[in-house]
Amino acid sequence: MSFYKILGKNIKTRRKALGLTQQELADKLDMSLNFVGKIEVAFSKPSLDTLIQIADALDTTVSYLTKF
């Protein structure tokens, strides 16, 4: 499995564990729902800055989101 697919799966798992919808996460990040959805299915590749923002919004670390 590719790095970005694992990243997307980890983001989705963490988001769901917190009881957030994609829209709620997108609102917290001030990003579009479409972009968040694309990250979760590995269609879009977030920058490091974006990844840090996502980790902060999900109250976790970049390390956790990128673990294999």
PDB file of N, CA and C in Angstrom:
ATOM      1  N   MET A   1       0.844  -1.179   0.000  1.00  0.00           N
ATOM      2  CA  MET A   1       0.000   0.000   0.000  1.00  0.00           C
ATOM      3  C   MET A   1       0.893   1.247   0.000  1.00  0.00           C
ATOM      4  N   SER A   2       0.482   2.241  -0.761  1.00  0.00           N
ATOM      5  CA  SER A   2       1.304   3.440  -0.874  1.00  0.00           C
ATOM      6  C   SER A   2       1.230   4.300   0.385  1.00  0.00           C
ATOM      7  N   PHE A   3       2.227   5.127   0.538  1.00  0.00           N
ATOM      8  CA  PHE A   3       2.301   6.042   1.683  1.00  0.00           C
ATOM      9  C   PHE A   3       1.034   6.884   1.792  1.00  0.00           C
ATOM     10  N   TYR A   4       0.575   7.457   0.673  1.00  0.00           N
ATOM     11  CA  TYR A   4      -0.571   8.357   0.714  1.00  0.00           C
ATOM     12  C   TYR A   4      -1.875   7.629   1.008  1.00  0.00           C
ATOM     13  N   LYS A   5      -1.986   6.373   0.601  1.00  0.00           N
ATOM     14  CA  LYS A   5      -3.178   5.588   0.942  1.00  0.00           C
ATOM     15  C   LYS A   5      -3.208   5.304   2.439  1.00  0.00           C
ATOM     16  N   ILE A   6      -2.063   4.977   3.003  1.00  0.00           N
ATOM     17  CA  ILE A   6      -1.980   4.736   4.449  1.00  0.00           C
ATOM     18  C   ILE A   6      -2.258   6.025   5.211  1.00  0.00           C
ATOM     19  N   LEU A   7      -1.682   7.126   4.741  1.00  0.00           N
ATOM     20  CA  LEU A   7      -1.932   8.433   5.366  1.00  0.00           C
ATOM     21  C   LEU A   7      -3.427   8.731   5.373  1.00  0.00           C
ATOM     22  N   GLY A   8      -4.078   8.581   4.237  1.00  0.00           N
ATOM     23  CA  GLY A   8      -5.512   8.842   4.128  1.00  0.00           C
ATOM     24  C   GLY A   8      -6.328   7.956   5.049  1.00  0.00           C
ATOM     25  N   LYS A   9      -5.956   6.677   5.118  1.00  0.00           N
ATOM     26  CA  LYS A   9      -6.656   5.732   5.997  1.00  0.00           C
ATOM     27  C   LYS A   9      -6.490   6.141   7.457  1.00  0.00           C
ATOM     28  N   ASN A  10      -5.283   6.550   7.832  1.00  0.00           N
ATOM     29  CA  ASN A  10      -5.027   6.964   9.217  1.00  0.00           C
ATOM     30  C   ASN A  10      -5.787   8.243   9.569  1.00  0.00           C
ATOM     31  N   ILE A  11      -5.865   9.177   8.634  1.00  0.00           N
ATOM     32  CA  ILE A  11      -6.620  10.408   8.869  1.00  0.00           C
ATOM     33  C   ILE A  11      -8.100  10.069   9.060  1.00  0.00           C
ATOM     34  N   LYS A  12      -8.626   9.232   8.183  1.00  0.00           N
ATOM     35  CA  LYS A  12     -10.039   8.852   8.271  1.00  0.00           C
ATOM     36  C   LYS A  12     -10.331   8.123   9.584  1.00  0.00           C
ATOM     37  N   THR A  13      -9.464   7.193   9.960  1.00  0.00           N
ATOM     38  CA  THR A  13      -9.653   6.442  11.205  1.00  0.00           C
ATOM     39  C   THR A  13      -9.662   7.372  12.404  1.00  0.00           C
ATOM     40  N   ARG A  14      -8.709   8.303  12.453  1.00  0.00           N
ATOM     41  CA  ARG A  14      -8.622   9.241  13.574  1.00  0.00           C
ATOM     42  C   ARG A  14      -9.832  10.175  13.586  1.00  0.00           C
ATOM     43  N   ARG A  15     -10.223  10.652  12.422  1.00  0.00           N
ATOM     44  CA  ARG A  15     -11.385  11.547  12.313  1.00  0.00           C
ATOM     45  C   ARG A  15     -12.638  10.851  12.850  1.00  0.00           C
ATOM     46  N   LYS A  16     -12.838   9.612  12.425  1.00  0.00           N
ATOM     47  CA  LYS A  16     -14.017   8.863  12.875  1.00  0.00           C
ATOM     48  C   LYS A  16     -13.943   8.561  14.375  1.00  0.00           C
ATOM     49  N   ALA A  17     -12.757   8.294  14.885  1.00  0.00           N
ATOM     50  CA  ALA A  17     -12.594   8.028  16.323  1.00  0.00           C
ATOM     51  C   ALA A  17     -13.008   9.250  17.145  1.00  0.00           C
ATOM     52  N   LEU A  18     -12.842  10.429  16.579  1.00  0.00           N
ATOM     53  CA  LEU A  18     -13.230  11.662  17.263  1.00  0.00           C
ATOM     54  C   LEU A  18     -14.684  12.029  16.991  1.00  0.00           C
ATOM     55  N   GLY A  19     -15.347  11.240  16.161  1.00  0.00           N
ATOM     56  CA  GLY A  19     -16.754  11.494  15.849  1.00  0.00           C
ATOM     57  C   GLY A  19     -16.966  12.665  14.915  1.00  0.00           C
ATOM     58  N   LEU A  20     -15.971  12.964  14.095  1.00  0.00           N
ATOM     59  CA  LEU A  20     -16.072  14.085  13.157  1.00  0.00           C
ATOM     60  C   LEU A  20     -16.461  13.603  11.765  1.00  0.00           C
ATOM     61  N   THR A  21     -17.262  14.388  11.080  1.00  0.00           N
ATOM     62  CA  THR A  21     -17.529  14.133   9.672  1.00  0.00           C
ATOM     63  C   THR A  21     -16.423  14.796   8.846  1.00  0.00           C
ATOM     64  N   GLN A  22     -16.358  14.460   7.574  1.00  0.00           N
ATOM     65  CA  GLN A  22     -15.388  15.128   6.706  1.00  0.00           C
ATOM     66  C   GLN A  22     -15.663  16.626   6.677  1.00  0.00           C
ATOM     67  N   GLN A  23     -16.946  16.990   6.660  1.00  0.00           N
ATOM     68  CA  GLN A  23     -17.303  18.413   6.626  1.00  0.00           C
ATOM     69  C   GLN A  23     -16.842  19.130   7.887  1.00  0.00           C
ATOM     70  N   GLU A  24     -17.010  18.494   9.032  1.00  0.00           N
ATOM     71  CA  GLU A  24     -16.574  19.112  10.288  1.00  0.00           C
ATOM     72  C   GLU A  24     -15.062  19.289  10.314  1.00  0.00           C
ATOM     73  N   LEU A  25     -14.324  18.300   9.815  1.00  0.00           N
ATOM     74  CA  LEU A  25     -12.871  18.433   9.741  1.00  0.00           C
ATOM     75  C   LEU A  25     -12.491  19.540   8.766  1.00  0.00           C
ATOM     76  N   ALA A  26     -13.140  19.566   7.628  1.00  0.00           N
ATOM     77  CA  ALA A  26     -12.867  20.606   6.632  1.00  0.00           C
ATOM     78  C   ALA A  26     -13.116  21.997   7.221  1.00  0.00           C
ATOM     79  N   ASP A  27     -14.193  22.130   7.987  1.00  0.00           N
ATOM     80  CA  ASP A  27     -14.502  23.423   8.618  1.00  0.00           C
ATOM     81  C   ASP A  27     -13.418  23.813   9.624  1.00  0.00           C
ATOM     82  N   LYS A  28     -12.952  22.849  10.423  1.00  0.00           N
ATOM     83  CA  LYS A  28     -11.888  23.130  11.397  1.00  0.00           C
ATOM     84  C   LYS A  28     -10.609  23.581  10.705  1.00  0.00           C
ATOM     85  N   LEU A  29     -10.373  23.033   9.509  1.00  0.00           N
ATOM     86  CA  LEU A  29      -9.142  23.327   8.772  1.00  0.00           C
ATOM     87  C   LEU A  29      -9.285  24.526   7.839  1.00  0.00           C
ATOM     88  N   ASP A  30     -10.510  25.022   7.682  1.00  0.00           N
ATOM     89  CA  ASP A  30     -10.802  26.075   6.707  1.00  0.00           C
ATOM     90  C   ASP A  30     -10.388  25.627   5.305  1.00  0.00           C
ATOM     91  N   MET A  31     -10.745  24.373   4.990  1.00  0.00           N
ATOM     92  CA  MET A  31     -10.469  23.771   3.684  1.00  0.00           C
ATOM     93  C   MET A  31     -11.781  23.251   3.117  1.00  0.00           C
ATOM     94  N   SER A  32     -11.774  22.897   1.856  1.00  0.00           N
ATOM     95  CA  SER A  32     -12.998  22.382   1.251  1.00  0.00           C
ATOM     96  C   SER A  32     -13.220  20.913   1.620  1.00  0.00           C
ATOM     97  N   LEU A  33     -14.482  20.540   1.658  1.00  0.00           N
ATOM     98  CA  LEU A  33     -14.856  19.150   1.879  1.00  0.00           C
ATOM     99  C   LEU A  33     -14.240  18.272   0.803  1.00  0.00           C
ATOM    100  N   ASN A  34     -14.254  18.755  -0.411  1.00  0.00           N
ATOM    101  CA  ASN A  34     -13.699  18.017  -1.542  1.00  0.00           C
ATOM    102  C   ASN A  34     -12.213  17.699  -1.314  1.00  0.00           C
ATOM    103  N   PHE A  35     -11.452  18.672  -0.844  1.00  0.00           N
ATOM    104  CA  PHE A  35     -10.013  18.469  -0.625  1.00  0.00           C
ATOM    105  C   PHE A  35      -9.761  17.450   0.475  1.00  0.00           C
ATOM    106  N   VAL A  36     -10.506  17.550   1.566  1.00  0.00           N
ATOM    107  CA  VAL A  36     -10.352  16.591   2.665  1.00  0.00           C
ATOM    108  C   VAL A  36     -10.675  15.184   2.173  1.00  0.00           C
ATOM    109  N   GLY A  37     -11.749  15.048   1.423  1.00  0.00           N
ATOM    110  CA  GLY A  37     -12.119  13.746   0.880  1.00  0.00           C
ATOM    111  C   GLY A  37     -11.047  13.184  -0.038  1.00  0.00           C
ATOM    112  N   LYS A  38     -10.462  14.036  -0.851  1.00  0.00           N
ATOM    113  CA  LYS A  38      -9.406  13.590  -1.773  1.00  0.00           C
ATOM    114  C   LYS A  38      -8.151  13.148  -1.025  1.00  0.00           C
ATOM    115  N   ILE A  39      -7.840  13.802   0.080  1.00  0.00           N
ATOM    116  CA  ILE A  39      -6.694  13.390   0.889  1.00  0.00           C
ATOM    117  C   ILE A  39      -6.954  12.000   1.473  1.00  0.00           C
ATOM    118  N   GLU A  40      -8.177  11.778   1.960  1.00  0.00           N
ATOM    119  CA  GLU A  40      -8.501  10.494   2.588  1.00  0.00           C
ATOM    120  C   GLU A  40      -8.449   9.322   1.608  1.00  0.00           C
ATOM    121  N   VAL A  41      -8.679   9.575   0.331  1.00  0.00           N
ATOM    122  CA  VAL A  41      -8.614   8.482  -0.658  1.00  0.00           C
ATOM    123  C   VAL A  41      -7.327   8.537  -1.482  1.00  0.00           C
ATOM    124  N   ALA A  42      -6.385   9.346  -1.046  1.00  0.00           N
ATOM    125  CA  ALA A  42      -5.054   9.453  -1.668  1.00  0.00           C
ATOM    126  C   ALA A  42      -5.096   9.996  -3.091  1.00  0.00           C
ATOM    127  N   PHE A  43      -6.117  10.780  -3.410  1.00  0.00           N
ATOM    128  CA  PHE A  43      -6.176  11.413  -4.725  1.00  0.00           C
ATOM    129  C   PHE A  43      -5.384  12.716  -4.710  1.00  0.00           C
ATOM    130  N   SER A  44      -5.377  13.390  -3.560  1.00  0.00           N
ATOM    131  CA  SER A  44      -4.572  14.599  -3.373  1.00  0.00           C
ATOM    132  C   SER A  44      -3.504  14.317  -2.327  1.00  0.00           C
ATOM    133  N   LYS A  45      -2.372  14.962  -2.512  1.00  0.00           N
ATOM    134  CA  LYS A  45      -1.238  14.777  -1.606  1.00  0.00           C
ATOM    135  C   LYS A  45      -1.015  16.078  -0.836  1.00  0.00           C
ATOM    136  N   PRO A  46      -1.261  16.056   0.476  1.00  0.00           N
ATOM    137  CA  PRO A  46      -1.125  17.290   1.241  1.00  0.00           C
ATOM    138  C   PRO A  46       0.331  17.701   1.434  1.00  0.00           C
ATOM    139  N   SER A  47       0.552  19.006   1.518  1.00  0.00           N
ATOM    140  CA  SER A  47       1.883  19.515   1.846  1.00  0.00           C
ATOM    141  C   SER A  47       2.170  19.216   3.310  1.00  0.00           C
ATOM    142  N   LEU A  48       3.406  19.393   3.702  1.00  0.00           N
ATOM    143  CA  LEU A  48       3.765  19.184   5.108  1.00  0.00           C
ATOM    144  C   LEU A  48       3.001  20.151   6.001  1.00  0.00           C
ATOM    145  N   ASP A  49       2.870  21.403   5.585  1.00  0.00           N
ATOM    146  CA  ASP A  49       2.124  22.384   6.375  1.00  0.00           C
ATOM    147  C   ASP A  49       0.672  21.940   6.569  1.00  0.00           C
ATOM    148  N   THR A  50       0.062  21.440   5.498  1.00  0.00           N
ATOM    149  CA  THR A  50      -1.315  20.963   5.581  1.00  0.00           C
ATOM    150  C   THR A  50      -1.408  19.750   6.491  1.00  0.00           C
ATOM    151  N   LEU A  51      -0.442  18.859   6.388  1.00  0.00           N
ATOM    152  CA  LEU A  51      -0.427  17.671   7.226  1.00  0.00           C
ATOM    153  C   LEU A  51      -0.313  18.047   8.706  1.00  0.00           C
ATOM    154  N   ILE A  52       0.482  19.052   9.009  1.00  0.00           N
ATOM    155  CA  ILE A  52       0.605  19.537  10.390  1.00  0.00           C
ATOM    156  C   ILE A  52      -0.723  20.108  10.865  1.00  0.00           C
ATOM    157  N   GLN A  53      -1.417  20.858  10.009  1.00  0.00           N
ATOM    158  CA  GLN A  53      -2.722  21.411  10.362  1.00  0.00           C
ATOM    159  C   GLN A  53      -3.731  20.296  10.626  1.00  0.00           C
ATOM    160  N   ILE A  54      -3.714  19.263   9.792  1.00  0.00           N
ATOM    161  CA  ILE A  54      -4.627  18.138   9.968  1.00  0.00           C
ATOM    162  C   ILE A  54      -4.341  17.432  11.291  1.00  0.00           C
ATOM    163  N   ALA A  55      -3.074  17.187  11.571  1.00  0.00           N
ATOM    164  CA  ALA A  55      -2.709  16.531  12.834  1.00  0.00           C
ATOM    165  C   ALA A  55      -3.182  17.355  14.025  1.00  0.00           C
ATOM    166  N   ASP A  56      -2.989  18.662  13.969  1.00  0.00           N
ATOM    167  CA  ASP A  56      -3.439  19.536  15.060  1.00  0.00           C
ATOM    168  C   ASP A  56      -4.960  19.477  15.220  1.00  0.00           C
ATOM    169  N   ALA A  57      -5.680  19.522  14.107  1.00  0.00           N
ATOM    170  CA  ALA A  57      -7.146  19.489  14.151  1.00  0.00           C
ATOM    171  C   ALA A  57      -7.661  18.166  14.700  1.00  0.00           C
ATOM    172  N   LEU A  58      -6.891  17.099  14.478  1.00  0.00           N
ATOM    173  CA  LEU A  58      -7.288  15.777  14.958  1.00  0.00           C
ATOM    174  C   LEU A  58      -6.660  15.445  16.305  1.00  0.00           C
ATOM    175  N   ASP A  59      -6.026  16.433  16.912  1.00  0.00           N
ATOM    176  CA  ASP A  59      -5.406  16.277  18.235  1.00  0.00           C
ATOM    177  C   ASP A  59      -4.465  15.067  18.272  1.00  0.00           C
ATOM    178  N   THR A  60      -3.603  15.007  17.267  1.00  0.00           N
ATOM    179  CA  THR A  60      -2.626  13.927  17.178  1.00  0.00           C
ATOM    180  C   THR A  60      -1.344  14.473  16.568  1.00  0.00           C
ATOM    181  N   THR A  61      -0.437  13.592  16.206  1.00  0.00           N
ATOM    182  CA  THR A  61       0.846  14.004  15.640  1.00  0.00           C
ATOM    183  C   THR A  61       0.964  13.583  14.181  1.00  0.00           C
ATOM    184  N   VAL A  62       1.845  14.238  13.473  1.00  0.00           N
ATOM    185  CA  VAL A  62       2.147  13.843  12.098  1.00  0.00           C
ATOM    186  C   VAL A  62       2.698  12.422  12.101  1.00  0.00           C
ATOM    187  N   SER A  63       3.492  12.117  13.101  1.00  0.00           N
ATOM    188  CA  SER A  63       4.069  10.775  13.219  1.00  0.00           C
ATOM    189  C   SER A  63       2.976   9.703  13.271  1.00  0.00           C
ATOM    190  N   TYR A  64       1.932   9.967  14.059  1.00  0.00           N
ATOM    191  CA  TYR A  64       0.826   8.996  14.148  1.00  0.00           C
ATOM    192  C   TYR A  64       0.133   8.843  12.795  1.00  0.00           C
ATOM    193  N   LEU A  65      -0.094   9.942  12.110  1.00  0.00           N
ATOM    194  CA  LEU A  65      -0.820   9.888  10.833  1.00  0.00           C
ATOM    195  C   LEU A  65      -0.013   9.225   9.733  1.00  0.00           C
ATOM    196  N   THR A  66       1.314   9.241   9.865  1.00  0.00           N
ATOM    197  CA  THR A  66       2.148   8.673   8.796  1.00  0.00           C
ATOM    198  C   THR A  66       2.698   7.295   9.136  1.00  0.00           C
ATOM    199  N   LYS A  67       2.280   6.728  10.261  1.00  0.00           N
ATOM    200  CA  LYS A  67       2.819   5.412  10.628  1.00  0.00           C
ATOM    201  C   LYS A  67       2.259   4.310   9.738  1.00  0.00           C
ATOM    202  N   PHE A  68       3.096   3.356   9.457  1.00  0.00           N
ATOM    203  CA  PHE A  68       2.705   2.235   8.593  1.00  0.00           C
ATOM    204  C   PHE A  68       2.250   1.067   9.411  1.00  0.00           C
TER     205      PHE A  68
END
